[in-house]
Amino acid sequence: MADGIQYNSPRQSMLTDSNSTNSVTDNNFVSTRLTRKPVSKDPAGFQLASKQEQIIYDQKGLDYASNLPFVNKRDAAGNLIINGTVQEVTDEEAAQYNETVIVEANDRLYTNRSVNRAIDTQFKYFKFPPTIISRQTDIGEIDVELPENELDVFSARYTPSFVIQWFTMAPSYAITNGPYGFQKLEYNNVLRGPQQNDPGTYMITPELIESGKNLRMKYAVDVHNSYPIGSVNKDGDPANVGFRARLQRTSADYRPALTNAGTTYKLVAPEGWDTLNGEHTVLNREMRPWDKWYIQGVCGTTGNGRYVADKSYWEIEAVDP
């Protein structure tokens, strides 16, 4: 109790490890005064219990019963009867109160051997070398064709620059202040594949020839007639513009240029848009080291025939013969 004075019993218990020489002592119980009357000595006169009494106390607990009438009084149901007061009383008045309650924790001694018998604490080590058991199951013949994951270093995809708003095609007729006829289109933007030694070109290498691959080339040129709607030519007809594109080769062994490789043509009305699509396969047996391939274009007007990068591309795919 908070208002009482605590008494420590002289009886002590010894906690001992059976596998160790160390021991620990601890006071086993505390008696607490329930009155506020200070007492200078132990009024109960506690004595050490005999061995037989100790067995009974260990079974029932030291706080279960007492031979002193004012300690741990209980009713028929075993409930503690507390008859105390917080008022100051004289020694004569204190006799009418059962003013002492014993509270004690029972300690038990467990040896390491008994714990090890009850709990399997031993670590099971692996045995070396390990034994490997192989189980084979006959699942029959499996016919699986695995794809070849060879690295494709020859295919490519090029486009005109997306930074430039538009490009101008050369006219098909002669002019004095610029190029005319078929001119190489500026497919200089490398999205994937070999880098271009010469801007806008694809170069045939000895490694490509040795691979035995053919090249399937597809291209698209997004063209625009920039004449305003309603424009007419000198004959009074609508100012339609014809666009033409093709694939061209410059050979290192002076073979003649091609004239109709993947040629395509579209006629576009003023302020109109269209796409030139062409395709050509370069056979491996026709390849020469350092051949250069590129896209050429031409239109039927000066300054108003344009192409943009929006839908334009040049796809080059290395394929088996």
C-alpha atoms as a PDB file:
ATOM      1  CA  MET A   1       0.000   0.000   0.000  1.00  0.00           C
ATOM      2  CA  ALA A   2       1.190   3.527  -0.681  1.00  0.00           C
ATOM      3  CA  ASP A   3       0.622   4.664   2.904  1.00  0.00           C
ATOM      4  CA  GLY A   4       2.266   1.688   4.640  1.00  0.00           C
ATOM      5  CA  ILE A   5       5.768   0.752   5.704  1.00  0.00           C
ATOM      6  CA  GLN A   6       7.337  -2.272   3.937  1.00  0.00           C
ATOM      7  CA  TYR A   7       9.077  -5.145   5.718  1.00  0.00           C
ATOM      8  CA  ASN A   8      11.553  -7.507   4.095  1.00  0.00           C
ATOM      9  CA  SER A   9      11.525 -11.034   5.450  1.00  0.00           C
ATOM     10  CA  PRO A  10      14.860 -12.528   6.542  1.00  0.00           C
ATOM     11  CA  ARG A  11      13.950 -15.678   4.624  1.00  0.00           C
ATOM     12  CA  GLN A  12      15.731 -15.748   1.246  1.00  0.00           C
ATOM     13  CA  SER A  13      15.719 -18.105  -1.680  1.00  0.00           C
ATOM     14  CA  MET A  14      18.731 -19.107  -3.744  1.00  0.00           C
ATOM     15  CA  LEU A  15      18.499 -19.141  -7.601  1.00  0.00           C
ATOM     16  CA  THR A  16      21.239 -21.421  -8.905  1.00  0.00           C
ATOM     17  CA  ASP A  17      22.328 -22.502 -12.422  1.00  0.00           C
ATOM     18  CA  SER A  18      23.295 -26.157 -12.257  1.00  0.00           C
ATOM     19  CA  ASN A  19      25.962 -25.583 -14.912  1.00  0.00           C
ATOM     20  CA  SER A  20      27.425 -22.447 -13.333  1.00  0.00           C
ATOM     21  CA  THR A  21      29.125 -21.504 -10.064  1.00  0.00           C
ATOM     22  CA  ASN A  22      27.319 -18.149  -9.945  1.00  0.00           C
ATOM     23  CA  SER A  23      24.242 -17.710  -7.729  1.00  0.00           C
ATOM     24  CA  VAL A  24      21.798 -14.869  -7.127  1.00  0.00           C
ATOM     25  CA  THR A  25      19.872 -14.131  -3.951  1.00  0.00           C
ATOM     26  CA  ASP A  26      16.585 -12.274  -3.839  1.00  0.00           C
ATOM     27  CA  ASN A  27      14.114 -11.340  -1.074  1.00  0.00           C
ATOM     28  CA  ASN A  28      11.097 -13.466  -1.652  1.00  0.00           C
ATOM     29  CA  PHE A  29       8.204 -11.529  -0.104  1.00  0.00           C
ATOM     30  CA  VAL A  30       7.195  -8.183   1.338  1.00  0.00           C
ATOM     31  CA  SER A  31       4.744  -7.450   4.128  1.00  0.00           C
ATOM     32  CA  THR A  32       2.834  -4.188   3.901  1.00  0.00           C
ATOM     33  CA  ARG A  33       1.156  -2.287   6.686  1.00  0.00           C
ATOM     34  CA  LEU A  34      -2.417  -1.235   5.904  1.00  0.00           C
ATOM     35  CA  THR A  35      -2.558   1.476   8.576  1.00  0.00           C
ATOM     36  CA  ARG A  36      -0.700   4.752   8.750  1.00  0.00           C
ATOM     37  CA  LYS A  37       0.608   3.916  12.229  1.00  0.00           C
ATOM     38  CA  PRO A  38       4.398   3.683  11.914  1.00  0.00           C
ATOM     39  CA  VAL A  39       5.888   0.542  13.451  1.00  0.00           C
ATOM     40  CA  SER A  40       9.555   0.376  14.269  1.00  0.00           C
ATOM     41  CA  LYS A  41       9.932  -3.417  14.293  1.00  0.00           C
ATOM     42  CA  ASP A  42       8.438  -6.477  12.648  1.00  0.00           C
ATOM     43  CA  PRO A  43       5.273  -7.216  14.663  1.00  0.00           C
ATOM     44  CA  ALA A  44       4.725 -10.637  13.104  1.00  0.00           C
ATOM     45  CA  GLY A  45       7.953 -12.255  14.300  1.00  0.00           C
ATOM     46  CA  PHE A  46       8.493 -14.214  11.072  1.00  0.00           C
ATOM     47  CA  GLN A  47      10.417 -17.497  11.375  1.00  0.00           C
ATOM     48  CA  LEU A  48      11.975 -19.703   8.733  1.00  0.00           C
ATOM     49  CA  ALA A  49       9.559 -22.420   7.683  1.00  0.00           C
ATOM     50  CA  SER A  50      10.483 -26.066   8.129  1.00  0.00           C
ATOM     51  CA  LYS A  51      11.160 -28.232   5.099  1.00  0.00           C
ATOM     52  CA  GLN A  52       7.724 -29.856   5.287  1.00  0.00           C
ATOM     53  CA  GLU A  53       5.989 -26.485   5.604  1.00  0.00           C
ATOM     54  CA  GLN A  54       8.038 -25.145   2.715  1.00  0.00           C
ATOM     55  CA  ILE A  55       6.659 -27.866   0.431  1.00  0.00           C
ATOM     56  CA  ILE A  56       3.089 -26.880   1.323  1.00  0.00           C
ATOM     57  CA  TYR A  57       3.862 -23.190   0.830  1.00  0.00           C
ATOM     58  CA  ASP A  58       5.457 -23.892  -2.552  1.00  0.00           C
ATOM     59  CA  GLN A  59       2.310 -25.726  -3.635  1.00  0.00           C
ATOM     60  CA  LYS A  60      -0.205 -23.134  -2.399  1.00  0.00           C
ATOM     61  CA  GLY A  61       1.885 -19.970  -2.402  1.00  0.00           C
ATOM     62  CA  LEU A  62       3.181 -18.133   0.647  1.00  0.00           C
ATOM     63  CA  ASP A  63       0.445 -15.558   0.321  1.00  0.00           C
ATOM     64  CA  TYR A  64      -2.309 -18.209   0.505  1.00  0.00           C
ATOM     65  CA  ALA A  65      -2.551 -18.588   4.294  1.00  0.00           C
ATOM     66  CA  SER A  66      -0.808 -17.698   7.528  1.00  0.00           C
ATOM     67  CA  ASN A  67      -0.846 -18.972  11.123  1.00  0.00           C
ATOM     68  CA  LEU A  68      -1.004 -15.367  12.286  1.00  0.00           C
ATOM     69  CA  PRO A  69      -4.601 -14.212  12.781  1.00  0.00           C
ATOM     70  CA  PHE A  70      -4.003 -10.735  11.357  1.00  0.00           C
ATOM     71  CA  VAL A  71      -2.119 -11.855   8.199  1.00  0.00           C
ATOM     72  CA  ASN A  72      -3.911 -12.903   5.002  1.00  0.00           C
ATOM     73  CA  LYS A  73      -7.306 -13.533   6.553  1.00  0.00           C
ATOM     74  CA  ARG A  74      -9.689 -15.160   4.092  1.00  0.00           C
ATOM     75  CA  ASP A  75     -13.380 -15.994   3.922  1.00  0.00           C
ATOM     76  CA  ALA A  76     -14.864 -19.420   3.117  1.00  0.00           C
ATOM     77  CA  ALA A  77     -14.480 -18.770  -0.610  1.00  0.00           C
ATOM     78  CA  GLY A  78     -10.780 -18.013  -0.190  1.00  0.00           C
ATOM     79  CA  ASN A  79     -11.122 -14.272  -0.753  1.00  0.00           C
ATOM     80  CA  LEU A  80      -8.815 -12.016   1.212  1.00  0.00           C
ATOM     81  CA  ILE A  81     -10.505 -10.045   3.990  1.00  0.00           C
ATOM     82  CA  ILE A  82      -9.035  -6.579   4.213  1.00  0.00           C
ATOM     83  CA  ASN A  83      -9.880  -4.768   7.437  1.00  0.00           C
ATOM     84  CA  GLY A  84      -7.701  -1.677   7.599  1.00  0.00           C
ATOM     85  CA  THR A  85      -7.846   2.072   7.885  1.00  0.00           C
ATOM     86  CA  VAL A  86      -5.929   5.039   6.538  1.00  0.00           C
ATOM     87  CA  GLN A  87      -6.453   6.962   9.759  1.00  0.00           C
ATOM     88  CA  GLU A  88      -3.744   7.197  12.393  1.00  0.00           C
ATOM     89  CA  VAL A  89      -4.378   4.740  15.232  1.00  0.00           C
ATOM     90  CA  THR A  90      -2.702   3.751  18.458  1.00  0.00           C
ATOM     91  CA  ASP A  91      -1.022   0.408  19.049  1.00  0.00           C
ATOM     92  CA  GLU A  92      -4.061  -0.754  20.982  1.00  0.00           C
ATOM     93  CA  GLU A  93      -6.415   0.267  18.184  1.00  0.00           C
ATOM     94  CA  ALA A  94      -4.240  -1.380  15.521  1.00  0.00           C
ATOM     95  CA  ALA A  95      -4.837  -4.803  17.090  1.00  0.00           C
ATOM     96  CA  GLN A  96      -8.400  -4.856  15.778  1.00  0.00           C
ATOM     97  CA  TYR A  97      -7.232  -4.604  12.164  1.00  0.00           C
ATOM     98  CA  ASN A  98      -5.732  -7.405  10.064  1.00  0.00           C
ATOM     99  CA  GLU A  99      -3.210  -4.897   8.880  1.00  0.00           C
ATOM    100  CA  THR A 100      -0.640  -7.079   7.134  1.00  0.00           C
ATOM    101  CA  VAL A 101      -0.803  -8.681   3.678  1.00  0.00           C
ATOM    102  CA  ILE A 102       1.989 -10.887   2.322  1.00  0.00           C
ATOM    103  CA  VAL A 103       2.660 -10.683  -1.395  1.00  0.00           C
ATOM    104  CA  GLU A 104       5.276 -13.050  -2.778  1.00  0.00           C
ATOM    105  CA  ALA A 105       6.273 -14.342  -6.205  1.00  0.00           C
ATOM    106  CA  ASN A 106       7.098 -18.051  -6.294  1.00  0.00           C
ATOM    107  CA  ASP A 107      10.397 -18.801  -7.990  1.00  0.00           C
ATOM    108  CA  ARG A 108      11.230 -22.034  -9.727  1.00  0.00           C
ATOM    109  CA  LEU A 109      14.643 -23.428 -10.533  1.00  0.00           C
ATOM    110  CA  TYR A 110      15.209 -24.736 -14.053  1.00  0.00           C
ATOM    111  CA  THR A 111      18.510 -26.361 -14.965  1.00  0.00           C
ATOM    112  CA  ASN A 112      20.036 -26.131 -18.440  1.00  0.00           C
ATOM    113  CA  ARG A 113      19.744 -29.880 -18.776  1.00  0.00           C
ATOM    114  CA  SER A 114      15.999 -29.868 -18.125  1.00  0.00           C
ATOM    115  CA  VAL A 115      15.490 -27.067 -20.679  1.00  0.00           C
ATOM    116  CA  ASN A 116      17.491 -28.924 -23.310  1.00  0.00           C
ATOM    117  CA  ARG A 117      15.415 -32.074 -22.714  1.00  0.00           C
ATOM    118  CA  ALA A 118      12.176 -30.156 -23.155  1.00  0.00           C
ATOM    119  CA  ILE A 119      13.289 -28.009 -26.121  1.00  0.00           C
ATOM    120  CA  ASP A 120      15.409 -29.263 -28.989  1.00  0.00           C
ATOM    121  CA  THR A 121      17.997 -26.477 -29.221  1.00  0.00           C
ATOM    122  CA  GLN A 122      20.675 -28.433 -31.053  1.00  0.00           C
ATOM    123  CA  PHE A 123      21.637 -27.150 -34.529  1.00  0.00           C
ATOM    124  CA  LYS A 124      21.616 -29.833 -37.183  1.00  0.00           C
ATOM    125  CA  TYR A 125      24.723 -29.287 -39.282  1.00  0.00           C
ATOM    126  CA  PHE A 126      24.923 -30.162 -42.969  1.00  0.00           C
ATOM    127  CA  LYS A 127      26.975 -33.170 -43.909  1.00  0.00           C
ATOM    128  CA  PHE A 128      29.643 -32.738 -46.547  1.00  0.00           C
ATOM    129  CA  PRO A 129      30.016 -33.720 -49.259  1.00  0.00           C
ATOM    130  CA  PRO A 130      26.272 -33.504 -49.968  1.00  0.00           C
ATOM    131  CA  THR A 131      24.430 -36.338 -51.632  1.00  0.00           C
ATOM    132  CA  ILE A 132      22.589 -35.488 -54.845  1.00  0.00           C
ATOM    133  CA  ILE A 133      19.633 -37.609 -55.858  1.00  0.00           C
ATOM    134  CA  SER A 134      18.676 -37.408 -59.526  1.00  0.00           C
ATOM    135  CA  ARG A 135      15.156 -38.204 -60.612  1.00  0.00           C
ATOM    136  CA  GLN A 136      14.584 -38.606 -64.338  1.00  0.00           C
ATOM    137  CA  THR A 137      11.170 -38.492 -65.916  1.00  0.00           C
ATOM    138  CA  ASP A 138      10.523 -39.675 -69.440  1.00  0.00           C
ATOM    139  CA  ILE A 139       8.422 -36.930 -71.035  1.00  0.00           C
ATOM    140  CA  GLY A 140       8.935 -38.112 -74.574  1.00  0.00           C
ATOM    141  CA  GLU A 141      10.531 -36.301 -77.465  1.00  0.00           C
ATOM    142  CA  ILE A 142      10.180 -32.527 -77.495  1.00  0.00           C
ATOM    143  CA  ASP A 143      10.578 -30.749 -80.796  1.00  0.00           C
ATOM    144  CA  VAL A 144      11.186 -27.067 -80.077  1.00  0.00           C
ATOM    145  CA  GLU A 145      12.516 -24.707 -82.684  1.00  0.00           C
ATOM    146  CA  LEU A 146      14.311 -21.871 -80.949  1.00  0.00           C
ATOM    147  CA  PRO A 147      14.481 -18.533 -82.776  1.00  0.00           C
ATOM    148  CA  GLU A 148      17.861 -17.256 -83.801  1.00  0.00           C
ATOM    149  CA  ASN A 149      18.797 -14.223 -81.727  1.00  0.00           C
ATOM    150  CA  GLU A 150      21.503 -12.917 -83.975  1.00  0.00           C
ATOM    151  CA  LEU A 151      22.336  -9.257 -83.738  1.00  0.00           C
ATOM    152  CA  ASP A 152      21.022  -7.250 -86.676  1.00  0.00           C
ATOM    153  CA  VAL A 153      23.629  -4.603 -87.482  1.00  0.00           C
ATOM    154  CA  PHE A 154      22.516  -3.938 -91.059  1.00  0.00           C
ATOM    155  CA  SER A 155      18.865  -2.815 -90.782  1.00  0.00           C
ATOM    156  CA  ALA A 156      18.217   0.907 -90.410  1.00  0.00           C
ATOM    157  CA  ARG A 157      15.582   3.642 -90.280  1.00  0.00           C
ATOM    158  CA  TYR A 158      16.267   7.202 -91.469  1.00  0.00           C
ATOM    159  CA  THR A 159      14.061  10.331 -91.664  1.00  0.00           C
ATOM    160  CA  PRO A 160      14.450  13.972 -92.568  1.00  0.00           C
ATOM    161  CA  SER A 161      15.199  16.279 -89.659  1.00  0.00           C
ATOM    162  CA  PHE A 162      12.171  17.055 -87.495  1.00  0.00           C
ATOM    163  CA  VAL A 163      13.733  20.388 -86.505  1.00  0.00           C
ATOM    164  CA  ILE A 164      13.471  21.890 -90.004  1.00  0.00           C
ATOM    165  CA  GLN A 165       9.920  22.965 -90.853  1.00  0.00           C
ATOM    166  CA  TRP A 166      10.018  21.942 -94.510  1.00  0.00           C
ATOM    167  CA  PHE A 167      12.395  21.132 -97.380  1.00  0.00           C
ATOM    168  CA  THR A 168      12.155  22.277-100.999  1.00  0.00           C
ATOM    169  CA  MET A 169      12.289  19.854-103.939  1.00  0.00           C
ATOM    170  CA  ALA A 170      14.218  20.828-107.051  1.00  0.00           C
ATOM    171  CA  PRO A 171      12.179  21.516-110.204  1.00  0.00           C
ATOM    172  CA  SER A 172      12.209  19.098-113.093  1.00  0.00           C
ATOM    173  CA  TYR A 173      13.166  21.831-115.587  1.00  0.00           C
ATOM    174  CA  ALA A 174      16.363  23.842-115.840  1.00  0.00           C
ATOM    175  CA  ILE A 175      16.744  27.011-113.805  1.00  0.00           C
ATOM    176  CA  THR A 176      19.668  29.406-113.486  1.00  0.00           C
ATOM    177  CA  ASN A 177      19.724  30.033-109.722  1.00  0.00           C
ATOM    178  CA  GLY A 178      19.727  26.502-108.240  1.00  0.00           C
ATOM    179  CA  PRO A 179      19.819  22.741-108.804  1.00  0.00           C
ATOM    180  CA  TYR A 180      17.206  21.054-110.955  1.00  0.00           C
ATOM    181  CA  GLY A 181      16.290  17.520-111.913  1.00  0.00           C
ATOM    182  CA  PHE A 182      16.428  14.580-109.463  1.00  0.00           C
ATOM    183  CA  GLN A 183      18.290  15.575-106.273  1.00  0.00           C
ATOM    184  CA  LYS A 184      19.117  13.600-103.133  1.00  0.00           C
ATOM    185  CA  LEU A 185      16.541  14.152-100.404  1.00  0.00           C
ATOM    186  CA  GLU A 186      17.820  14.982 -96.922  1.00  0.00           C
ATOM    187  CA  TYR A 187      17.100  11.801 -94.963  1.00  0.00           C
ATOM    188  CA  ASN A 188      19.932  12.596 -92.552  1.00  0.00           C
ATOM    189  CA  ASN A 189      18.268  11.754 -89.219  1.00  0.00           C
ATOM    190  CA  VAL A 190      19.408   8.287 -87.997  1.00  0.00           C
ATOM    191  CA  LEU A 191      16.763   6.694 -85.777  1.00  0.00           C
ATOM    192  CA  ARG A 192      18.505   3.299 -85.719  1.00  0.00           C
ATOM    193  CA  GLY A 193      21.017   1.287 -87.697  1.00  0.00           C
ATOM    194  CA  PRO A 194      24.392   2.180 -89.225  1.00  0.00           C
ATOM    195  CA  GLN A 195      25.566   5.754 -89.076  1.00  0.00           C
ATOM    196  CA  GLN A 196      25.812   7.630 -92.377  1.00  0.00           C
ATOM    197  CA  ASN A 197      29.306   8.326 -93.691  1.00  0.00           C
ATOM    198  CA  ASP A 198      27.703  10.505 -96.355  1.00  0.00           C
ATOM    199  CA  PRO A 199      24.554  12.375 -95.155  1.00  0.00           C
ATOM    200  CA  GLY A 200      21.343  10.876 -96.490  1.00  0.00           C
ATOM    201  CA  THR A 201      22.970   7.646 -97.777  1.00  0.00           C
ATOM    202  CA  TYR A 202      23.180   3.960 -96.859  1.00  0.00           C
ATOM    203  CA  MET A 203      26.537   2.322 -97.648  1.00  0.00           C
ATOM    204  CA  ILE A 204      27.020  -1.336 -98.602  1.00  0.00           C
ATOM    205  CA  THR A 205      29.802  -2.917 -96.521  1.00  0.00           C
ATOM    206  CA  PRO A 206      31.835  -6.119 -97.123  1.00  0.00           C
ATOM    207  CA  GLU A 207      30.327  -7.545 -93.910  1.00  0.00           C
ATOM    208  CA  LEU A 208      26.809  -7.145 -95.341  1.00  0.00           C
ATOM    209  CA  ILE A 209      27.817  -8.941 -98.520  1.00  0.00           C
ATOM    210  CA  GLU A 210      29.435 -11.768 -96.542  1.00  0.00           C
ATOM    211  CA  SER A 211      26.252 -12.213 -94.491  1.00  0.00           C
ATOM    212  CA  GLY A 212      24.329 -13.154 -97.644  1.00  0.00           C
ATOM    213  CA  LYS A 213      21.448 -10.845 -96.688  1.00  0.00           C
ATOM    214  CA  ASN A 214      19.341  -8.885 -99.133  1.00  0.00           C
ATOM    215  CA  LEU A 215      18.157  -5.354 -98.371  1.00  0.00           C
ATOM    216  CA  ARG A 216      14.432  -4.563 -98.599  1.00  0.00           C
ATOM    217  CA  MET A 217      14.046  -0.779 -98.822  1.00  0.00           C
ATOM    218  CA  LYS A 218      10.765   1.055 -98.244  1.00  0.00           C
ATOM    219  CA  TYR A 219      10.365   4.804 -98.202  1.00  0.00           C
ATOM    220  CA  ALA A 220       7.699   7.479 -97.815  1.00  0.00           C
ATOM    221  CA  VAL A 221       7.958  11.164 -98.744  1.00  0.00           C
ATOM    222  CA  ASP A 222       5.321  13.524 -97.282  1.00  0.00           C
ATOM    223  CA  VAL A 223       4.866  16.211 -99.987  1.00  0.00           C
ATOM    224  CA  HIS A 224       2.985  19.529-100.055  1.00  0.00           C
ATOM    225  CA  ASN A 225       1.885  21.909-102.829  1.00  0.00           C
ATOM    226  CA  SER A 226       2.282  25.330-101.202  1.00  0.00           C
ATOM    227  CA  TYR A 227       0.376  27.269-103.899  1.00  0.00           C
ATOM    228  CA  PRO A 228      -2.714  28.929-102.351  1.00  0.00           C
ATOM    229  CA  ILE A 229      -6.085  27.404-103.038  1.00  0.00           C
ATOM    230  CA  GLY A 230      -7.490  28.682-106.358  1.00  0.00           C
ATOM    231  CA  SER A 231      -4.081  29.314-107.946  1.00  0.00           C
ATOM    232  CA  VAL A 232      -3.817  28.706-111.712  1.00  0.00           C
ATOM    233  CA  ASN A 233      -0.924  28.274-114.125  1.00  0.00           C
ATOM    234  CA  LYS A 234      -0.186  30.345-117.229  1.00  0.00           C
ATOM    235  CA  ASP A 235      -2.736  28.378-119.186  1.00  0.00           C
ATOM    236  CA  GLY A 236      -5.454  29.130-116.654  1.00  0.00           C
ATOM    237  CA  ASP A 237      -5.551  25.615-115.303  1.00  0.00           C
ATOM    238  CA  PRO A 238      -5.308  24.814-111.550  1.00  0.00           C
ATOM    239  CA  ALA A 239      -1.733  25.090-110.346  1.00  0.00           C
ATOM    240  CA  ASN A 240      -1.355  21.385-109.569  1.00  0.00           C
ATOM    241  CA  VAL A 241       2.186  20.154-108.923  1.00  0.00           C
ATOM    242  CA  GLY A 242       3.568  16.732-109.845  1.00  0.00           C
ATOM    243  CA  PHE A 243       6.008  15.036-107.407  1.00  0.00           C
ATOM    244  CA  ARG A 244       8.281  12.107-108.202  1.00  0.00           C
ATOM    245  CA  ALA A 245      10.650  10.079-105.995  1.00  0.00           C
ATOM    246  CA  ARG A 246      12.936   7.066-106.489  1.00  0.00           C
ATOM    247  CA  LEU A 247      15.808   5.108-104.967  1.00  0.00           C
ATOM    248  CA  GLN A 248      19.211   5.692-106.511  1.00  0.00           C
ATOM    249  CA  ARG A 249      22.621   4.034-106.295  1.00  0.00           C
ATOM    250  CA  THR A 250      26.105   5.438-106.752  1.00  0.00           C
ATOM    251  CA  SER A 251      28.491   2.557-107.366  1.00  0.00           C
ATOM    252  CA  ALA A 252      32.141   2.465-106.446  1.00  0.00           C
ATOM    253  CA  ASP A 253      33.002   0.511-109.636  1.00  0.00           C
ATOM    254  CA  TYR A 254      31.417   3.041-112.004  1.00  0.00           C
ATOM    255  CA  ARG A 255      28.287   1.051-112.747  1.00  0.00           C
ATOM    256  CA  PRO A 256      25.584   3.228-114.297  1.00  0.00           C
ATOM    257  CA  ALA A 257      22.982   4.881-112.113  1.00  0.00           C
ATOM    258  CA  LEU A 258      19.523   3.351-111.810  1.00  0.00           C
ATOM    259  CA  THR A 259      16.514   4.915-113.472  1.00  0.00           C
ATOM    260  CA  ASN A 260      13.396   3.257-112.007  1.00  0.00           C
ATOM    261  CA  ALA A 261      14.235   1.695-108.610  1.00  0.00           C
ATOM    262  CA  GLY A 262      11.099   2.189-106.520  1.00  0.00           C
ATOM    263  CA  THR A 263       9.870   5.183-108.548  1.00  0.00           C
ATOM    264  CA  THR A 264       6.555   6.733-107.502  1.00  0.00           C
ATOM    265  CA  TYR A 265       4.555   9.767-108.710  1.00  0.00           C
ATOM    266  CA  LYS A 266       1.727  11.928-107.290  1.00  0.00           C
ATOM    267  CA  LEU A 267      -0.120  15.022-108.617  1.00  0.00           C
ATOM    268  CA  VAL A 268      -1.077  17.378-105.773  1.00  0.00           C
ATOM    269  CA  ALA A 269      -3.590  20.262-105.895  1.00  0.00           C
ATOM    270  CA  PRO A 270      -2.867  23.743-104.408  1.00  0.00           C
ATOM    271  CA  GLU A 271      -2.530  23.597-100.598  1.00  0.00           C
ATOM    272  CA  GLY A 272      -2.773  19.813-100.922  1.00  0.00           C
ATOM    273  CA  TRP A 273      -0.809  17.049 -99.193  1.00  0.00           C
ATOM    274  CA  ASP A 274       0.088  13.534-100.312  1.00  0.00           C
ATOM    275  CA  THR A 275       2.644  10.796 -99.682  1.00  0.00           C
ATOM    276  CA  LEU A 276       5.000   9.162-102.175  1.00  0.00           C
ATOM    277  CA  ASN A 277       5.558   5.489-101.261  1.00  0.00           C
ATOM    278  CA  GLY A 278       8.200   3.351-102.943  1.00  0.00           C
ATOM    279  CA  GLU A 279       9.852  -0.021-102.426  1.00  0.00           C
ATOM    280  CA  HIS A 280      12.887  -1.831-103.844  1.00  0.00           C
ATOM    281  CA  THR A 281      14.905  -4.932-102.889  1.00  0.00           C
ATOM    282  CA  VAL A 282      18.675  -4.867-103.324  1.00  0.00           C
ATOM    283  CA  LEU A 283      19.840  -8.419-104.003  1.00  0.00           C
ATOM    284  CA  ASN A 284      23.006  -9.569-102.295  1.00  0.00           C
ATOM    285  CA  ARG A 285      24.533 -10.788-105.576  1.00  0.00           C
ATOM    286  CA  GLU A 286      24.134  -7.290-107.042  1.00  0.00           C
ATOM    287  CA  MET A 287      25.878  -5.552-104.147  1.00  0.00           C
ATOM    288  CA  ARG A 288      29.360  -4.085-104.425  1.00  0.00           C
ATOM    289  CA  PRO A 289      31.420  -2.896-101.463  1.00  0.00           C
ATOM    290  CA  TRP A 290      30.958   0.808-100.758  1.00  0.00           C
ATOM    291  CA  ASP A 291      27.881   1.226-102.976  1.00  0.00           C
ATOM    292  CA  LYS A 292      25.814   4.206-101.769  1.00  0.00           C
ATOM    293  CA  TRP A 293      22.018   4.217-101.800  1.00  0.00           C
ATOM    294  CA  TYR A 294      19.807   7.260-101.287  1.00  0.00           C
ATOM    295  CA  ILE A 295      16.361   8.721-102.105  1.00  0.00           C
ATOM    296  CA  GLN A 296      15.963  11.255-104.907  1.00  0.00           C
ATOM    297  CA  GLY A 297      13.067  13.588-105.569  1.00  0.00           C
ATOM    298  CA  VAL A 298      11.871  16.156-108.132  1.00  0.00           C
ATOM    299  CA  CYS A 299       8.732  18.257-108.685  1.00  0.00           C
ATOM    300  CA  GLY A 300       7.072  20.303-111.428  1.00  0.00           C
ATOM    301  CA  THR A 301       7.479  23.766-109.913  1.00  0.00           C
ATOM    302  CA  THR A 302      10.039  26.136-108.461  1.00  0.00           C
ATOM    303  CA  GLY A 303       9.868  26.872-104.742  1.00  0.00           C
ATOM    304  CA  ASN A 304       6.334  25.584-104.097  1.00  0.00           C
ATOM    305  CA  GLY A 305       7.055  21.864-104.092  1.00  0.00           C
ATOM    306  CA  ARG A 306       7.957  20.870-100.531  1.00  0.00           C
ATOM    307  CA  TYR A 307       8.408  17.796 -98.336  1.00  0.00           C
ATOM    308  CA  VAL A 308       8.351  17.496 -94.540  1.00  0.00           C
ATOM    309  CA  ALA A 309       9.514  14.952 -91.955  1.00  0.00           C
ATOM    310  CA  ASP A 310       6.049  14.332 -90.492  1.00  0.00           C
ATOM    311  CA  LYS A 311       5.214  11.111 -92.374  1.00  0.00           C
ATOM    312  CA  SER A 312       8.494  10.658 -94.197  1.00  0.00           C
ATOM    313  CA  TYR A 313      10.767   7.677 -93.492  1.00  0.00           C
ATOM    314  CA  TRP A 314      13.284   5.341 -95.111  1.00  0.00           C
ATOM    315  CA  GLU A 315      13.131   1.776 -93.762  1.00  0.00           C
ATOM    316  CA  ILE A 316      15.982  -0.608 -94.641  1.00  0.00           C
ATOM    317  CA  GLU A 317      15.604  -4.233 -93.550  1.00  0.00           C
ATOM    318  CA  ALA A 318      18.214  -6.983 -93.909  1.00  0.00           C
ATOM    319  CA  VAL A 319      16.361 -10.165 -94.991  1.00  0.00           C
ATOM    320  CA  ASP A 320      17.299 -13.671 -95.984  1.00  0.00           C
ATOM    321  CA  PRO A 321      17.303 -14.391 -99.749  1.00  0.00           C
END
